[in-house]
Amino acid sequence: GLVFLLMLINGIPLSLQILNFIPLVILLVLIT
């Protein structure tokens, strides 16, 4: 949430590419 907030503050655009974020979180949980 802090990363997304800082992205908005710094003007980094959000796109549909952000949906690739979900499999990475699942992979991180699975490896952990």
Full PDB file with SEQRES, HELIX, SHEET, SSBOND, CRYST1, ORIGX, SCALE, CONECT and MASTER records, all heavy atoms in Angstrom:
SEQRES   1 A   32  GLY LEU VAL PHE LEU LEU MET LEU ILE ASN GLY ILE PRO          
SEQRES   2 A   32  LEU SER LEU GLN ILE LEU ASN PHE ILE PRO LEU VAL ILE          
SEQRES   3 A   32  LEU LEU VAL LEU ILE THR                                      
HELIX    1 AA1 LEU A    2  ILE A    9  1                                   8    
HELIX    2 AA2 LEU A   16  ASN A   20  5                                   5    
HELIX    3 AA3 PHE A   21  ILE A   31  1                                  11    
CRYST1    1.000    1.000    1.000  90.00  90.00  90.00 P 1           1          
ORIGX1      1.000000  0.000000  0.000000        0.00000                         
ORIGX2      0.000000  1.000000  0.000000        0.00000                         
ORIGX3      0.000000  0.000000  1.000000        0.00000                         
SCALE1      1.000000  0.000000  0.000000        0.00000                         
SCALE2      0.000000  1.000000  0.000000        0.00000                         
SCALE3      0.000000  0.000000  1.000000        0.00000                         
ATOM      1  N   GLY A   1       0.827  -1.206   0.000  1.00  0.00           N  
ATOM      2  CA  GLY A   1       0.000   0.000   0.000  1.00  0.00           C  
ATOM      3  C   GLY A   1       0.862   1.256   0.000  1.00  0.00           C  
ATOM      4  O   GLY A   1       0.554   2.227  -0.699  1.00  0.00           O  
ATOM      5  N   LEU A   2       1.959   1.227   0.774  1.00  0.00           N  
ATOM      6  CA  LEU A   2       2.873   2.370   0.786  1.00  0.00           C  
ATOM      7  C   LEU A   2       3.563   2.543  -0.565  1.00  0.00           C  
ATOM      8  O   LEU A   2       3.774   3.670  -1.021  1.00  0.00           O  
ATOM      9  CB  LEU A   2       3.912   2.188   1.893  1.00  0.00           C  
ATOM     10  CG  LEU A   2       3.382   2.287   3.319  1.00  0.00           C  
ATOM     11  CD1 LEU A   2       4.469   1.914   4.322  1.00  0.00           C  
ATOM     12  CD2 LEU A   2       2.853   3.674   3.587  1.00  0.00           C  
ATOM     13  N   VAL A   3       3.901   1.424  -1.202  1.00  0.00           N  
ATOM     14  CA  VAL A   3       4.525   1.506  -2.526  1.00  0.00           C  
ATOM     15  C   VAL A   3       3.571   2.163  -3.515  1.00  0.00           C  
ATOM     16  O   VAL A   3       3.962   3.051  -4.284  1.00  0.00           O  
ATOM     17  CB  VAL A   3       4.963   0.105  -3.012  1.00  0.00           C  
ATOM     18  CG1 VAL A   3       5.313   0.122  -4.491  1.00  0.00           C  
ATOM     19  CG2 VAL A   3       6.128  -0.406  -2.195  1.00  0.00           C  
ATOM     20  N   PHE A   4       2.305   1.744  -3.507  1.00  0.00           N  
ATOM     21  CA  PHE A   4       1.325   2.338  -4.420  1.00  0.00           C  
ATOM     22  C   PHE A   4       1.107   3.817  -4.113  1.00  0.00           C  
ATOM     23  O   PHE A   4       0.963   4.630  -5.025  1.00  0.00           O  
ATOM     24  CB  PHE A   4       0.000   1.573  -4.373  1.00  0.00           C  
ATOM     25  CG  PHE A   4       0.090   0.209  -4.970  1.00  0.00           C  
ATOM     26  CD1 PHE A   4      -0.341  -0.896  -4.270  1.00  0.00           C  
ATOM     27  CD2 PHE A   4       0.614   0.015  -6.246  1.00  0.00           C  
ATOM     28  CE1 PHE A   4      -0.263  -2.163  -4.816  1.00  0.00           C  
ATOM     29  CE2 PHE A   4       0.704  -1.239  -6.814  1.00  0.00           C  
ATOM     30  CZ  PHE A   4       0.264  -2.332  -6.093  1.00  0.00           C  
ATOM     31  N   LEU A   5       1.103   4.182  -2.845  1.00  0.00           N  
ATOM     32  CA  LEU A   5       0.954   5.583  -2.466  1.00  0.00           C  
ATOM     33  C   LEU A   5       2.131   6.408  -2.978  1.00  0.00           C  
ATOM     34  O   LEU A   5       1.948   7.492  -3.541  1.00  0.00           O  
ATOM     35  CB  LEU A   5       0.822   5.707  -0.948  1.00  0.00           C  
ATOM     36  CG  LEU A   5       0.703   7.117  -0.396  1.00  0.00           C  
ATOM     37  CD1 LEU A   5      -0.640   7.722  -0.797  1.00  0.00           C  
ATOM     38  CD2 LEU A   5       0.853   7.102   1.111  1.00  0.00           C  
ATOM     39  N   LEU A   6       3.345   5.899  -2.805  1.00  0.00           N  
ATOM     40  CA  LEU A   6       4.523   6.623  -3.292  1.00  0.00           C  
ATOM     41  C   LEU A   6       4.564   6.685  -4.814  1.00  0.00           C  
ATOM     42  O   LEU A   6       5.066   7.658  -5.386  1.00  0.00           O  
ATOM     43  CB  LEU A   6       5.792   5.975  -2.746  1.00  0.00           C  
ATOM     44  CG  LEU A   6       6.044   6.204  -1.258  1.00  0.00           C  
ATOM     45  CD1 LEU A   6       7.215   5.381  -0.773  1.00  0.00           C  
ATOM     46  CD2 LEU A   6       6.271   7.679  -0.988  1.00  0.00           C  
ATOM     47  N   MET A   7       4.030   5.653  -5.477  1.00  0.00           N  
ATOM     48  CA  MET A   7       3.952   5.707  -6.937  1.00  0.00           C  
ATOM     49  C   MET A   7       3.030   6.837  -7.383  1.00  0.00           C  
ATOM     50  O   MET A   7       3.343   7.559  -8.327  1.00  0.00           O  
ATOM     51  CB  MET A   7       3.457   4.368  -7.488  1.00  0.00           C  
ATOM     52  CG  MET A   7       4.492   3.276  -7.460  1.00  0.00           C  
ATOM     53  SD  MET A   7       3.849   1.688  -8.003  1.00  0.00           S  
ATOM     54  CE  MET A   7       3.346   2.050  -9.671  1.00  0.00           C  
ATOM     55  N   LEU A   8       1.919   6.982  -6.692  1.00  0.00           N  
ATOM     56  CA  LEU A   8       0.994   8.063  -7.039  1.00  0.00           C  
ATOM     57  C   LEU A   8       1.596   9.429  -6.761  1.00  0.00           C  
ATOM     58  O   LEU A   8       1.442  10.365  -7.545  1.00  0.00           O  
ATOM     59  CB  LEU A   8      -0.315   7.897  -6.269  1.00  0.00           C  
ATOM     60  CG  LEU A   8      -1.177   6.705  -6.674  1.00  0.00           C  
ATOM     61  CD1 LEU A   8      -2.375   6.570  -5.741  1.00  0.00           C  
ATOM     62  CD2 LEU A   8      -1.624   6.844  -8.111  1.00  0.00           C  
ATOM     63  N   ILE A   9       2.314   9.550  -5.641  1.00  0.00           N  
ATOM     64  CA  ILE A   9       2.939  10.834  -5.285  1.00  0.00           C  
ATOM     65  C   ILE A   9       4.018  11.198  -6.300  1.00  0.00           C  
ATOM     66  O   ILE A   9       4.142  12.358  -6.699  1.00  0.00           O  
ATOM     67  CB  ILE A   9       3.519  10.764  -3.855  1.00  0.00           C  
ATOM     68  CG1 ILE A   9       2.385  10.701  -2.837  1.00  0.00           C  
ATOM     69  CG2 ILE A   9       4.436  11.950  -3.578  1.00  0.00           C  
ATOM     70  CD1 ILE A   9       2.846  10.442  -1.418  1.00  0.00           C  
ATOM     71  N   ASN A  10       4.800  10.218  -6.746  1.00  0.00           N  
ATOM     72  CA  ASN A  10       5.889  10.491  -7.680  1.00  0.00           C  
ATOM     73  C   ASN A  10       5.447  10.512  -9.142  1.00  0.00           C  
ATOM     74  O   ASN A  10       6.275  10.687 -10.035  1.00  0.00           O  
ATOM     75  CB  ASN A  10       7.010   9.466  -7.504  1.00  0.00           C  
ATOM     76  CG  ASN A  10       7.744   9.661  -6.203  1.00  0.00           C  
ATOM     77  OD1 ASN A  10       7.997  10.791  -5.797  1.00  0.00           O  
ATOM     78  ND2 ASN A  10       8.076   8.579  -5.549  1.00  0.00           N  
ATOM     79  N   GLY A  11       4.176  10.306  -9.399  1.00  0.00           N  
ATOM     80  CA  GLY A  11       3.663  10.407 -10.755  1.00  0.00           C  
ATOM     81  C   GLY A  11       3.937   9.210 -11.648  1.00  0.00           C  
ATOM     82  O   GLY A  11       3.939   9.338 -12.866  1.00  0.00           O  
ATOM     83  N   ILE A  12       4.184   8.058 -11.057  1.00  0.00           N  
ATOM     84  CA  ILE A  12       4.388   6.844 -11.846  1.00  0.00           C  
ATOM     85  C   ILE A  12       3.013   6.310 -12.222  1.00  0.00           C  
ATOM     86  O   ILE A  12       2.184   6.040 -11.352  1.00  0.00           O  
ATOM     87  CB  ILE A  12       5.192   5.800 -11.057  1.00  0.00           C  
ATOM     88  CG1 ILE A  12       6.576   6.358 -10.744  1.00  0.00           C  
ATOM     89  CG2 ILE A  12       5.293   4.493 -11.842  1.00  0.00           C  
ATOM     90  CD1 ILE A  12       7.411   5.486  -9.845  1.00  0.00           C  
ATOM     91  N   PRO A  13       2.741   6.168 -13.517  1.00  0.00           N  
ATOM     92  CA  PRO A  13       1.389   5.777 -13.934  1.00  0.00           C  
ATOM     93  C   PRO A  13       1.077   4.319 -13.630  1.00  0.00           C  
ATOM     94  O   PRO A  13       1.949   3.458 -13.689  1.00  0.00           O  
ATOM     95  CB  PRO A  13       1.401   6.026 -15.442  1.00  0.00           C  
ATOM     96  CG  PRO A  13       2.828   5.902 -15.828  1.00  0.00           C  
ATOM     97  CD  PRO A  13       3.624   6.386 -14.641  1.00  0.00           C  
ATOM     98  N   LEU A  14      -0.169   4.068 -13.283  1.00  0.00           N  
ATOM     99  CA  LEU A  14      -0.639   2.704 -13.082  1.00  0.00           C  
ATOM    100  C   LEU A  14      -1.288   2.223 -14.372  1.00  0.00           C  
ATOM    101  O   LEU A  14      -2.027   2.963 -15.014  1.00  0.00           O  
ATOM    102  CB  LEU A  14      -1.646   2.637 -11.935  1.00  0.00           C  
ATOM    103  CG  LEU A  14      -1.124   3.000 -10.548  1.00  0.00           C  
ATOM    104  CD1 LEU A  14      -2.265   2.989  -9.544  1.00  0.00           C  
ATOM    105  CD2 LEU A  14      -0.050   2.036 -10.114  1.00  0.00           C  
ATOM    106  N   SER A  15      -0.994   0.993 -14.763  1.00  0.00           N  
ATOM    107  CA  SER A  15      -1.577   0.442 -15.984  1.00  0.00           C  
ATOM    108  C   SER A  15      -2.083  -0.969 -15.696  1.00  0.00           C  
ATOM    109  O   SER A  15      -1.986  -1.470 -14.586  1.00  0.00           O  
ATOM    110  CB  SER A  15      -0.530   0.413 -17.097  1.00  0.00           C  
ATOM    111  OG  SER A  15       0.496  -0.498 -16.767  1.00  0.00           O  
ATOM    112  N   LEU A  16      -2.606  -1.600 -16.722  1.00  0.00           N  
ATOM    113  CA  LEU A  16      -3.071  -2.976 -16.563  1.00  0.00           C  
ATOM    114  C   LEU A  16      -1.916  -3.946 -16.348  1.00  0.00           C  
ATOM    115  O   LEU A  16      -2.132  -5.092 -15.959  1.00  0.00           O  
ATOM    116  CB  LEU A  16      -3.899  -3.404 -17.780  1.00  0.00           C  
ATOM    117  CG  LEU A  16      -5.264  -2.734 -17.896  1.00  0.00           C  
ATOM    118  CD1 LEU A  16      -5.959  -3.189 -19.161  1.00  0.00           C  
ATOM    119  CD2 LEU A  16      -6.119  -3.039 -16.685  1.00  0.00           C  
ATOM    120  N   GLN A  17      -0.711  -3.491 -16.594  1.00  0.00           N  
ATOM    121  CA  GLN A  17       0.487  -4.300 -16.346  1.00  0.00           C  
ATOM    122  C   GLN A  17       0.570  -4.691 -14.871  1.00  0.00           C  
ATOM    123  O   GLN A  17       1.179  -5.697 -14.525  1.00  0.00           O  
ATOM    124  CB  GLN A  17       1.714  -3.480 -16.756  1.00  0.00           C  
ATOM    125  CG  GLN A  17       3.019  -4.176 -16.624  1.00  0.00           C  
ATOM    126  CD  GLN A  17       3.205  -5.226 -17.692  1.00  0.00           C  
ATOM    127  OE1 GLN A  17       2.481  -5.283 -18.665  1.00  0.00           O  
ATOM    128  NE2 GLN A  17       4.183  -6.076 -17.494  1.00  0.00           N  
ATOM    129  N   ILE A  18      -0.070  -3.926 -14.012  1.00  0.00           N  
ATOM    130  CA  ILE A  18      -0.023  -4.176 -12.580  1.00  0.00           C  
ATOM    131  C   ILE A  18      -0.699  -5.497 -12.209  1.00  0.00           C  
ATOM    132  O   ILE A  18      -0.454  -6.042 -11.139  1.00  0.00           O  
ATOM    133  CB  ILE A  18      -0.629  -2.993 -11.806  1.00  0.00           C  
ATOM    134  CG1 ILE A  18      -0.053  -2.918 -10.421  1.00  0.00           C  
ATOM    135  CG2 ILE A  18      -2.119  -3.071 -11.739  1.00  0.00           C  
ATOM    136  CD1 ILE A  18      -0.236  -1.594  -9.766  1.00  0.00           C  
ATOM    137  N   LEU A  19      -1.510  -6.045 -13.098  1.00  0.00           N  
ATOM    138  CA  LEU A  19      -2.150  -7.340 -12.824  1.00  0.00           C  
ATOM    139  C   LEU A  19      -1.129  -8.474 -12.768  1.00  0.00           C  
ATOM    140  O   LEU A  19      -1.412  -9.526 -12.196  1.00  0.00           O  
ATOM    141  CB  LEU A  19      -3.218  -7.634 -13.871  1.00  0.00           C  
ATOM    142  CG  LEU A  19      -4.427  -6.702 -13.851  1.00  0.00           C  
ATOM    143  CD1 LEU A  19      -5.372  -7.040 -14.990  1.00  0.00           C  
ATOM    144  CD2 LEU A  19      -5.137  -6.771 -12.517  1.00  0.00           C  
ATOM    145  N   ASN A  20       0.043  -8.271 -13.353  1.00  0.00           N  
ATOM    146  CA  ASN A  20       1.117  -9.257 -13.239  1.00  0.00           C  
ATOM    147  C   ASN A  20       1.671  -9.329 -11.820  1.00  0.00           C  
ATOM    148  O   ASN A  20       2.453 -10.214 -11.489  1.00  0.00           O  
ATOM    149  CB  ASN A  20       2.252  -8.934 -14.209  1.00  0.00           C  
ATOM    150  CG  ASN A  20       1.861  -9.206 -15.624  1.00  0.00           C  
ATOM    151  OD1 ASN A  20       1.346 -10.273 -15.932  1.00  0.00           O  
ATOM    152  ND2 ASN A  20       2.091  -8.235 -16.487  1.00  0.00           N  
ATOM    153  N   PHE A  21       1.278  -8.399 -11.005  1.00  0.00           N  
ATOM    154  CA  PHE A  21       1.681  -8.331  -9.604  1.00  0.00           C  
ATOM    155  C   PHE A  21       1.102  -9.511  -8.811  1.00  0.00           C  
ATOM    156  O   PHE A  21       1.759 -10.050  -7.928  1.00  0.00           O  
ATOM    157  CB  PHE A  21       1.156  -6.996  -9.052  1.00  0.00           C  
ATOM    158  CG  PHE A  21       1.721  -6.577  -7.751  1.00  0.00           C  
ATOM    159  CD1 PHE A  21       2.982  -6.040  -7.679  1.00  0.00           C  
ATOM    160  CD2 PHE A  21       0.978  -6.698  -6.591  1.00  0.00           C  
ATOM    161  CE1 PHE A  21       3.499  -5.630  -6.479  1.00  0.00           C  
ATOM    162  CE2 PHE A  21       1.484  -6.291  -5.381  1.00  0.00           C  
ATOM    163  CZ  PHE A  21       2.755  -5.756  -5.334  1.00  0.00           C  
ATOM    164  N   ILE A  22      -0.112  -9.932  -9.157  1.00  0.00           N  
ATOM    165  CA  ILE A  22      -0.822 -10.971  -8.402  1.00  0.00           C  
ATOM    166  C   ILE A  22      -0.113 -12.322  -8.456  1.00  0.00           C  
ATOM    167  O   ILE A  22       0.107 -12.947  -7.410  1.00  0.00           O  
ATOM    168  CB  ILE A  22      -2.287 -11.065  -8.882  1.00  0.00           C  
ATOM    169  CG1 ILE A  22      -3.005  -9.749  -8.592  1.00  0.00           C  
ATOM    170  CG2 ILE A  22      -3.016 -12.233  -8.238  1.00  0.00           C  
ATOM    171  CD1 ILE A  22      -4.344  -9.598  -9.277  1.00  0.00           C  
ATOM    172  N   PRO A  23       0.307 -12.820  -9.633  1.00  0.00           N  
ATOM    173  CA  PRO A  23       1.025 -14.098  -9.633  1.00  0.00           C  
ATOM    174  C   PRO A  23       2.346 -14.042  -8.867  1.00  0.00           C  
ATOM    175  O   PRO A  23       2.763 -15.038  -8.281  1.00  0.00           O  
ATOM    176  CB  PRO A  23       1.281 -14.389 -11.112  1.00  0.00           C  
ATOM    177  CG  PRO A  23       0.396 -13.516 -11.870  1.00  0.00           C  
ATOM    178  CD  PRO A  23       0.033 -12.368 -10.994  1.00  0.00           C  
ATOM    179  N   LEU A  24       2.986 -12.873  -8.861  1.00  0.00           N  
ATOM    180  CA  LEU A  24       4.241 -12.753  -8.119  1.00  0.00           C  
ATOM    181  C   LEU A  24       4.011 -12.864  -6.615  1.00  0.00           C  
ATOM    182  O   LEU A  24       4.806 -13.480  -5.908  1.00  0.00           O  
ATOM    183  CB  LEU A  24       4.928 -11.430  -8.442  1.00  0.00           C  
ATOM    184  CG  LEU A  24       5.546 -11.327  -9.819  1.00  0.00           C  
ATOM    185  CD1 LEU A  24       6.136  -9.955 -10.034  1.00  0.00           C  
ATOM    186  CD2 LEU A  24       6.591 -12.387 -10.020  1.00  0.00           C  
ATOM    187  N   VAL A  25       2.933 -12.272  -6.126  1.00  0.00           N  
ATOM    188  CA  VAL A  25       2.622 -12.376  -4.696  1.00  0.00           C  
ATOM    189  C   VAL A  25       2.298 -13.830  -4.339  1.00  0.00           C  
ATOM    190  O   VAL A  25       2.750 -14.341  -3.306  1.00  0.00           O  
ATOM    191  CB  VAL A  25       1.461 -11.426  -4.315  1.00  0.00           C  
ATOM    192  CG1 VAL A  25       0.993 -11.674  -2.900  1.00  0.00           C  
ATOM    193  CG2 VAL A  25       1.877  -9.982  -4.488  1.00  0.00           C  
ATOM    194  N   ILE A  26       1.558 -14.510  -5.202  1.00  0.00           N  
ATOM    195  CA  ILE A  26       1.235 -15.920  -4.964  1.00  0.00           C  
ATOM    196  C   ILE A  26       2.508 -16.754  -4.958  1.00  0.00           C  
ATOM    197  O   ILE A  26       2.696 -17.628  -4.103  1.00  0.00           O  
ATOM    198  CB  ILE A  26       0.223 -16.415  -6.017  1.00  0.00           C  
ATOM    199  CG1 ILE A  26      -1.121 -15.719  -5.808  1.00  0.00           C  
ATOM    200  CG2 ILE A  26       0.071 -17.927  -5.962  1.00  0.00           C  
ATOM    201  CD1 ILE A  26      -2.114 -15.950  -6.919  1.00  0.00           C  
ATOM    202  N   LEU A  27       3.415 -16.490  -5.902  1.00  0.00           N  
ATOM    203  CA  LEU A  27       4.690 -17.212  -5.949  1.00  0.00           C  
ATOM    204  C   LEU A  27       5.516 -16.951  -4.703  1.00  0.00           C  
ATOM    205  O   LEU A  27       6.120 -17.872  -4.136  1.00  0.00           O  
ATOM    206  CB  LEU A  27       5.464 -16.813  -7.198  1.00  0.00           C  
ATOM    207  CG  LEU A  27       6.847 -17.438  -7.357  1.00  0.00           C  
ATOM    208  CD1 LEU A  27       6.738 -18.950  -7.502  1.00  0.00           C  
ATOM    209  CD2 LEU A  27       7.564 -16.832  -8.537  1.00  0.00           C  
ATOM    210  N   LEU A  28       5.545 -15.715  -4.246  1.00  0.00           N  
ATOM    211  CA  LEU A  28       6.289 -15.371  -3.033  1.00  0.00           C  
ATOM    212  C   LEU A  28       5.745 -16.126  -1.821  1.00  0.00           C  
ATOM    213  O   LEU A  28       6.508 -16.668  -1.018  1.00  0.00           O  
ATOM    214  CB  LEU A  28       6.242 -13.860  -2.799  1.00  0.00           C  
ATOM    215  CG  LEU A  28       6.969 -13.328  -1.581  1.00  0.00           C  
ATOM    216  CD1 LEU A  28       8.459 -13.600  -1.688  1.00  0.00           C  
ATOM    217  CD2 LEU A  28       6.717 -11.834  -1.432  1.00  0.00           C  
ATOM    218  N   VAL A  29       4.430 -16.184  -1.689  1.00  0.00           N  
ATOM    219  CA  VAL A  29       3.819 -16.910  -0.572  1.00  0.00           C  
ATOM    220  C   VAL A  29       4.125 -18.404  -0.674  1.00  0.00           C  
ATOM    221  O   VAL A  29       4.448 -19.052   0.326  1.00  0.00           O  
ATOM    222  CB  VAL A  29       2.298 -16.647  -0.532  1.00  0.00           C  
ATOM    223  CG1 VAL A  29       1.596 -17.589   0.414  1.00  0.00           C  
ATOM    224  CG2 VAL A  29       2.020 -15.202  -0.154  1.00  0.00           C  
ATOM    225  N   LEU A  30       4.065 -18.956  -1.881  1.00  0.00           N  
ATOM    226  CA  LEU A  30       4.314 -20.383  -2.072  1.00  0.00           C  
ATOM    227  C   LEU A  30       5.760 -20.752  -1.759  1.00  0.00           C  
ATOM    228  O   LEU A  30       6.013 -21.750  -1.071  1.00  0.00           O  
ATOM    229  CB  LEU A  30       3.972 -20.779  -3.513  1.00  0.00           C  
ATOM    230  CG  LEU A  30       4.053 -22.260  -3.834  1.00  0.00           C  
ATOM    231  CD1 LEU A  30       2.978 -23.022  -3.064  1.00  0.00           C  
ATOM    232  CD2 LEU A  30       3.899 -22.484  -5.313  1.00  0.00           C  
ATOM    233  N   ILE A  31       6.710 -19.963  -2.220  1.00  0.00           N  
ATOM    234  CA  ILE A  31       8.116 -20.238  -1.932  1.00  0.00           C  
ATOM    235  C   ILE A  31       8.400 -20.085  -0.444  1.00  0.00           C  
ATOM    236  O   ILE A  31       9.085 -20.910   0.156  1.00  0.00           O  
ATOM    237  CB  ILE A  31       9.029 -19.312  -2.767  1.00  0.00           C  
ATOM    238  CG1 ILE A  31       8.990 -19.746  -4.232  1.00  0.00           C  
ATOM    239  CG2 ILE A  31      10.458 -19.333  -2.254  1.00  0.00           C  
ATOM    240  CD1 ILE A  31       9.719 -18.811  -5.162  1.00  0.00           C  
ATOM    241  N   THR A  32       7.854 -19.055   0.167  1.00  0.00           N  
ATOM    242  CA  THR A  32       8.047 -18.854   1.608  1.00  0.00           C  
ATOM    243  C   THR A  32       7.454 -20.006   2.400  1.00  0.00           C  
ATOM    244  O   THR A  32       8.078 -20.519   3.335  1.00  0.00           O  
ATOM    245  CB  THR A  32       7.409 -17.526   2.046  1.00  0.00           C  
ATOM    246  OG1 THR A  32       7.963 -16.467   1.270  1.00  0.00           O  
ATOM    247  CG2 THR A  32       7.644 -17.269   3.511  1.00  0.00           C  
TER     248      THR A  32                                                      
MASTER        0    0    0    3    0    0    0    6  247    1    0    3          
END                                                                             
